[in-house]
N, C-alpha and C. Protein backbone atom coordinates (compact mmCIF):
# COMPACT_ATOMS: atom_id res chain seq x y z
N MET A 1 19.98 20.76 43.95
CA MET A 1 20.11 20.97 42.52
C MET A 1 21.50 20.63 42.03
N ASN A 2 22.51 20.93 42.86
CA ASN A 2 23.87 20.62 42.49
C ASN A 2 24.11 19.13 42.37
N ILE A 3 23.37 18.36 43.14
CA ILE A 3 23.55 16.90 43.10
C ILE A 3 23.12 16.36 41.74
N LEU A 4 22.01 16.87 41.18
CA LEU A 4 21.52 16.40 39.88
C LEU A 4 22.39 16.88 38.73
N MET A 5 23.10 17.96 38.91
CA MET A 5 23.89 18.52 37.83
C MET A 5 25.31 17.97 37.78
N THR A 6 25.67 17.12 38.70
CA THR A 6 27.00 16.54 38.64
C THR A 6 27.09 15.62 37.44
N ALA A 7 28.28 15.32 37.04
CA ALA A 7 28.51 14.56 35.80
C ALA A 7 27.86 13.19 35.85
N GLY A 8 27.96 12.50 36.94
CA GLY A 8 27.42 11.15 37.05
C GLY A 8 25.91 11.13 37.06
N ALA A 9 25.29 11.97 37.89
CA ALA A 9 23.83 11.94 38.03
C ALA A 9 23.14 12.54 36.81
N GLY A 10 23.70 13.60 36.26
CA GLY A 10 23.08 14.26 35.09
C GLY A 10 23.08 13.36 33.87
N SER A 11 24.18 12.67 33.65
CA SER A 11 24.23 11.78 32.49
C SER A 11 23.36 10.55 32.70
N ALA A 12 23.23 10.09 33.93
CA ALA A 12 22.38 8.94 34.20
C ALA A 12 20.91 9.29 33.97
N VAL A 13 20.48 10.46 34.42
CA VAL A 13 19.10 10.88 34.20
C VAL A 13 18.84 11.10 32.72
N GLY A 14 19.79 11.72 32.05
CA GLY A 14 19.65 11.93 30.60
C GLY A 14 19.58 10.61 29.84
N MET A 15 20.37 9.65 30.26
CA MET A 15 20.38 8.33 29.63
C MET A 15 19.03 7.63 29.83
N ILE A 16 18.49 7.72 31.02
CA ILE A 16 17.19 7.10 31.30
C ILE A 16 16.09 7.75 30.46
N VAL A 17 16.13 9.07 30.33
CA VAL A 17 15.14 9.77 29.51
C VAL A 17 15.22 9.31 28.06
N TRP A 18 16.43 9.19 27.51
CA TRP A 18 16.58 8.76 26.13
C TRP A 18 16.14 7.30 25.93
N ILE A 19 16.39 6.47 26.91
CA ILE A 19 15.94 5.08 26.81
C ILE A 19 14.42 5.01 26.81
N VAL A 20 13.77 5.79 27.65
CA VAL A 20 12.30 5.83 27.68
C VAL A 20 11.76 6.34 26.35
N VAL A 21 12.38 7.40 25.82
CA VAL A 21 11.95 7.95 24.52
C VAL A 21 12.12 6.89 23.43
N LEU A 22 13.21 6.16 23.46
CA LEU A 22 13.46 5.11 22.47
C LEU A 22 12.40 4.01 22.55
N PHE A 23 12.07 3.58 23.76
CA PHE A 23 11.05 2.54 23.90
C PHE A 23 9.67 3.02 23.46
N VAL A 24 9.33 4.27 23.75
CA VAL A 24 8.05 4.83 23.31
C VAL A 24 8.01 4.88 21.78
N PHE A 25 9.10 5.31 21.17
CA PHE A 25 9.19 5.36 19.71
C PHE A 25 9.03 3.96 19.11
N MET A 26 9.73 2.98 19.68
CA MET A 26 9.62 1.61 19.17
C MET A 26 8.21 1.07 19.32
N TYR A 27 7.55 1.39 20.42
CA TYR A 27 6.19 0.89 20.63
C TYR A 27 5.24 1.43 19.56
N PHE A 28 5.28 2.76 19.33
CA PHE A 28 4.32 3.36 18.41
C PHE A 28 4.64 3.12 16.94
N PHE A 29 5.88 2.84 16.60
CA PHE A 29 6.22 2.65 15.20
C PHE A 29 6.53 1.22 14.81
N MET A 30 6.66 0.32 15.78
CA MET A 30 6.97 -1.07 15.45
C MET A 30 6.01 -2.06 16.08
N ILE A 31 5.82 -1.98 17.38
CA ILE A 31 5.04 -3.00 18.08
C ILE A 31 3.55 -2.81 17.86
N ARG A 32 3.05 -1.60 18.02
CA ARG A 32 1.61 -1.34 17.91
C ARG A 32 1.06 -1.65 16.50
N PRO A 33 1.73 -1.21 15.40
CA PRO A 33 1.21 -1.58 14.08
C PRO A 33 1.20 -3.08 13.83
N GLN A 34 2.20 -3.79 14.35
CA GLN A 34 2.23 -5.24 14.19
C GLN A 34 1.07 -5.89 14.93
N GLN A 35 0.74 -5.39 16.11
CA GLN A 35 -0.39 -5.93 16.87
C GLN A 35 -1.70 -5.67 16.14
N LYS A 36 -1.85 -4.48 15.55
CA LYS A 36 -3.06 -4.18 14.78
C LYS A 36 -3.19 -5.09 13.57
N GLU A 37 -2.07 -5.34 12.88
CA GLU A 37 -2.09 -6.21 11.71
C GLU A 37 -2.47 -7.64 12.10
N THR A 38 -1.93 -8.12 13.18
CA THR A 38 -2.26 -9.45 13.67
C THR A 38 -3.73 -9.55 14.05
N LYS A 39 -4.24 -8.52 14.70
CA LYS A 39 -5.66 -8.49 15.09
C LYS A 39 -6.57 -8.51 13.86
N ASN A 40 -6.22 -7.74 12.82
CA ASN A 40 -7.01 -7.72 11.59
C ASN A 40 -6.95 -9.06 10.87
N LYS A 41 -5.77 -9.70 10.85
CA LYS A 41 -5.61 -11.00 10.20
C LYS A 41 -6.44 -12.06 10.93
N ASN A 42 -6.44 -12.04 12.26
CA ASN A 42 -7.25 -12.99 13.03
C ASN A 42 -8.74 -12.78 12.79
N ALA A 43 -9.17 -11.52 12.69
CA ALA A 43 -10.58 -11.23 12.41
C ALA A 43 -10.96 -11.72 11.01
N MET A 44 -10.04 -11.56 10.05
CA MET A 44 -10.30 -12.02 8.69
C MET A 44 -10.44 -13.54 8.66
N MET A 45 -9.57 -14.24 9.39
CA MET A 45 -9.64 -15.70 9.42
C MET A 45 -10.89 -16.19 10.14
N ALA A 46 -11.33 -15.45 11.14
CA ALA A 46 -12.55 -15.84 11.86
C ALA A 46 -13.79 -15.66 10.99
N SER A 47 -13.76 -14.71 10.06
CA SER A 47 -14.92 -14.47 9.21
C SER A 47 -14.88 -15.28 7.92
N LEU A 48 -13.87 -16.11 7.75
CA LEU A 48 -13.75 -16.93 6.55
C LEU A 48 -14.89 -17.93 6.48
N ALA A 49 -15.54 -18.03 5.31
CA ALA A 49 -16.66 -18.93 5.14
C ALA A 49 -16.55 -19.64 3.80
N VAL A 50 -17.29 -20.73 3.67
CA VAL A 50 -17.33 -21.48 2.41
C VAL A 50 -17.94 -20.58 1.33
N GLY A 51 -17.30 -20.55 0.17
CA GLY A 51 -17.78 -19.73 -0.94
C GLY A 51 -17.04 -18.41 -1.08
N ASP A 52 -16.19 -18.07 -0.11
CA ASP A 52 -15.42 -16.83 -0.19
C ASP A 52 -14.28 -16.99 -1.20
N THR A 53 -14.00 -15.92 -1.92
CA THR A 53 -12.85 -15.89 -2.81
C THR A 53 -11.65 -15.43 -2.00
N VAL A 54 -10.54 -16.18 -2.12
CA VAL A 54 -9.36 -15.87 -1.33
C VAL A 54 -8.16 -15.66 -2.25
N LEU A 55 -7.21 -14.88 -1.77
CA LEU A 55 -5.93 -14.69 -2.42
C LEU A 55 -4.89 -15.33 -1.52
N THR A 56 -4.11 -16.26 -2.06
CA THR A 56 -3.10 -16.93 -1.25
C THR A 56 -1.82 -16.11 -1.24
N THR A 57 -0.93 -16.45 -0.33
CA THR A 57 0.34 -15.73 -0.25
C THR A 57 1.21 -15.96 -1.48
N SER A 58 0.94 -17.01 -2.24
CA SER A 58 1.69 -17.26 -3.47
C SER A 58 1.08 -16.55 -4.67
N GLY A 59 -0.06 -15.87 -4.48
CA GLY A 59 -0.65 -15.08 -5.56
C GLY A 59 -1.77 -15.73 -6.32
N PHE A 60 -2.25 -16.88 -5.88
CA PHE A 60 -3.33 -17.57 -6.57
C PHE A 60 -4.68 -17.17 -5.98
N TYR A 61 -5.67 -16.98 -6.85
CA TYR A 61 -7.04 -16.73 -6.42
C TYR A 61 -7.80 -18.04 -6.46
N GLY A 62 -8.64 -18.26 -5.45
CA GLY A 62 -9.43 -19.47 -5.41
C GLY A 62 -10.68 -19.28 -4.58
N VAL A 63 -11.51 -20.30 -4.54
CA VAL A 63 -12.77 -20.28 -3.79
C VAL A 63 -12.68 -21.34 -2.70
N VAL A 64 -13.08 -20.97 -1.49
CA VAL A 64 -13.04 -21.89 -0.36
C VAL A 64 -14.15 -22.92 -0.51
N ILE A 65 -13.77 -24.19 -0.45
CA ILE A 65 -14.72 -25.29 -0.59
C ILE A 65 -15.06 -25.89 0.78
N ASP A 66 -14.05 -26.02 1.65
CA ASP A 66 -14.26 -26.64 2.96
C ASP A 66 -13.31 -25.99 3.95
N ILE A 67 -13.76 -25.87 5.19
CA ILE A 67 -12.94 -25.28 6.25
C ILE A 67 -12.84 -26.27 7.40
N GLU A 68 -11.61 -26.53 7.81
CA GLU A 68 -11.36 -27.35 8.99
C GLU A 68 -10.70 -26.45 10.03
N GLU A 69 -10.17 -27.04 11.09
CA GLU A 69 -9.63 -26.25 12.20
C GLU A 69 -8.52 -25.30 11.76
N ASP A 70 -7.46 -25.83 11.14
CA ASP A 70 -6.37 -24.97 10.72
C ASP A 70 -6.05 -25.09 9.24
N THR A 71 -6.88 -25.83 8.50
CA THR A 71 -6.68 -25.97 7.06
C THR A 71 -7.97 -25.63 6.32
N VAL A 72 -7.80 -25.25 5.07
CA VAL A 72 -8.95 -25.00 4.19
C VAL A 72 -8.69 -25.73 2.88
N ILE A 73 -9.74 -26.09 2.19
CA ILE A 73 -9.61 -26.66 0.86
C ILE A 73 -10.08 -25.59 -0.11
N VAL A 74 -9.18 -25.23 -1.02
CA VAL A 74 -9.43 -24.14 -1.96
C VAL A 74 -9.47 -24.71 -3.37
N GLU A 75 -10.46 -24.27 -4.14
CA GLU A 75 -10.61 -24.69 -5.52
C GLU A 75 -10.09 -23.58 -6.42
N PHE A 76 -9.15 -23.92 -7.30
CA PHE A 76 -8.53 -22.94 -8.18
C PHE A 76 -9.00 -23.11 -9.61
N GLY A 77 -9.21 -21.99 -10.30
CA GLY A 77 -9.56 -22.01 -11.72
C GLY A 77 -10.98 -22.47 -11.97
N SER A 78 -11.31 -22.57 -13.23
CA SER A 78 -12.66 -22.98 -13.62
C SER A 78 -12.74 -24.48 -13.86
N ASN A 79 -11.67 -25.20 -13.59
CA ASN A 79 -11.60 -26.63 -13.87
C ASN A 79 -12.41 -27.46 -12.89
N LYS A 80 -12.64 -27.01 -11.70
CA LYS A 80 -13.38 -27.70 -10.64
C LYS A 80 -12.68 -28.97 -10.17
N ASN A 81 -11.57 -29.36 -10.78
CA ASN A 81 -10.82 -30.53 -10.34
C ASN A 81 -9.57 -30.17 -9.56
N CYS A 82 -9.25 -28.91 -9.51
CA CYS A 82 -8.03 -28.46 -8.84
C CYS A 82 -8.39 -27.97 -7.43
N ARG A 83 -8.48 -28.89 -6.51
CA ARG A 83 -8.79 -28.58 -5.12
C ARG A 83 -7.57 -28.91 -4.28
N ILE A 84 -7.09 -27.91 -3.57
CA ILE A 84 -5.84 -28.06 -2.82
C ILE A 84 -6.08 -27.71 -1.36
N PRO A 85 -5.71 -28.63 -0.45
CA PRO A 85 -5.77 -28.27 0.98
C PRO A 85 -4.56 -27.41 1.33
N MET A 86 -4.79 -26.38 2.12
CA MET A 86 -3.69 -25.51 2.55
C MET A 86 -3.97 -24.97 3.93
N GLN A 87 -2.95 -24.44 4.57
CA GLN A 87 -3.11 -23.86 5.89
C GLN A 87 -3.82 -22.53 5.79
N LYS A 88 -4.55 -22.18 6.83
CA LYS A 88 -5.23 -20.88 6.86
C LYS A 88 -4.23 -19.73 6.81
N ALA A 89 -3.04 -19.95 7.33
CA ALA A 89 -2.01 -18.90 7.35
C ALA A 89 -1.55 -18.53 5.94
N ALA A 90 -1.82 -19.38 4.95
CA ALA A 90 -1.42 -19.10 3.58
C ALA A 90 -2.39 -18.18 2.86
N ILE A 91 -3.46 -17.77 3.52
CA ILE A 91 -4.44 -16.86 2.92
C ILE A 91 -4.07 -15.44 3.30
N SER A 92 -3.93 -14.59 2.29
CA SER A 92 -3.53 -13.21 2.58
C SER A 92 -4.69 -12.23 2.45
N ALA A 93 -5.73 -12.57 1.70
CA ALA A 93 -6.88 -11.66 1.56
C ALA A 93 -8.14 -12.48 1.30
N VAL A 94 -9.26 -11.97 1.78
CA VAL A 94 -10.56 -12.64 1.61
C VAL A 94 -11.53 -11.65 1.00
N GLU A 95 -12.27 -12.10 -0.01
CA GLU A 95 -13.31 -11.27 -0.62
C GLU A 95 -14.63 -12.03 -0.52
N LYS A 96 -15.56 -11.44 0.16
CA LYS A 96 -16.88 -12.05 0.33
C LYS A 96 -17.67 -11.93 -0.97
N PRO A 97 -18.56 -12.88 -1.27
CA PRO A 97 -19.37 -12.78 -2.49
C PRO A 97 -20.25 -11.53 -2.50
N GLU A 98 -20.72 -11.08 -1.33
CA GLU A 98 -21.55 -9.87 -1.28
C GLU A 98 -20.75 -8.63 -1.68
N ASP A 99 -19.46 -8.61 -1.32
CA ASP A 99 -18.60 -7.47 -1.67
C ASP A 99 -18.38 -7.40 -3.17
N ALA A 100 -18.28 -8.54 -3.83
CA ALA A 100 -18.06 -8.57 -5.28
C ALA A 100 -19.30 -8.05 -6.01
N VAL A 101 -20.48 -8.37 -5.51
CA VAL A 101 -21.72 -7.92 -6.14
C VAL A 101 -21.88 -6.41 -5.96
N GLU A 102 -21.55 -5.89 -4.78
CA GLU A 102 -21.69 -4.46 -4.51
C GLU A 102 -20.74 -3.62 -5.34
N SER A 103 -19.54 -4.14 -5.64
CA SER A 103 -18.56 -3.35 -6.40
C SER A 103 -18.94 -3.27 -7.87
N LYS A 104 -19.77 -4.18 -8.37
CA LYS A 104 -20.15 -4.16 -9.79
C LYS A 104 -21.35 -3.33 -9.96
């Protein structure tokens, strides 16, 4: 017991305990929520379909016209002539047509 209570060993054990506590804190408050957010974003992109209403990261609402591997073509406004290809990563939210009908 005296060996653990010496200045060198006691502070080393205390330091290791605090480092472990710090890593556990960082995992539960920083790493884990980011992993959940990434998982939800990937699931949203996998469920993206033609006809879905999307919100882009720049704040524009549009309707998906065509989907390719990493790009989508989105139609903005009621003009039907404003079709813009963009990366899937630029989509921040997806609303399915069935969800819009249920909310009304």
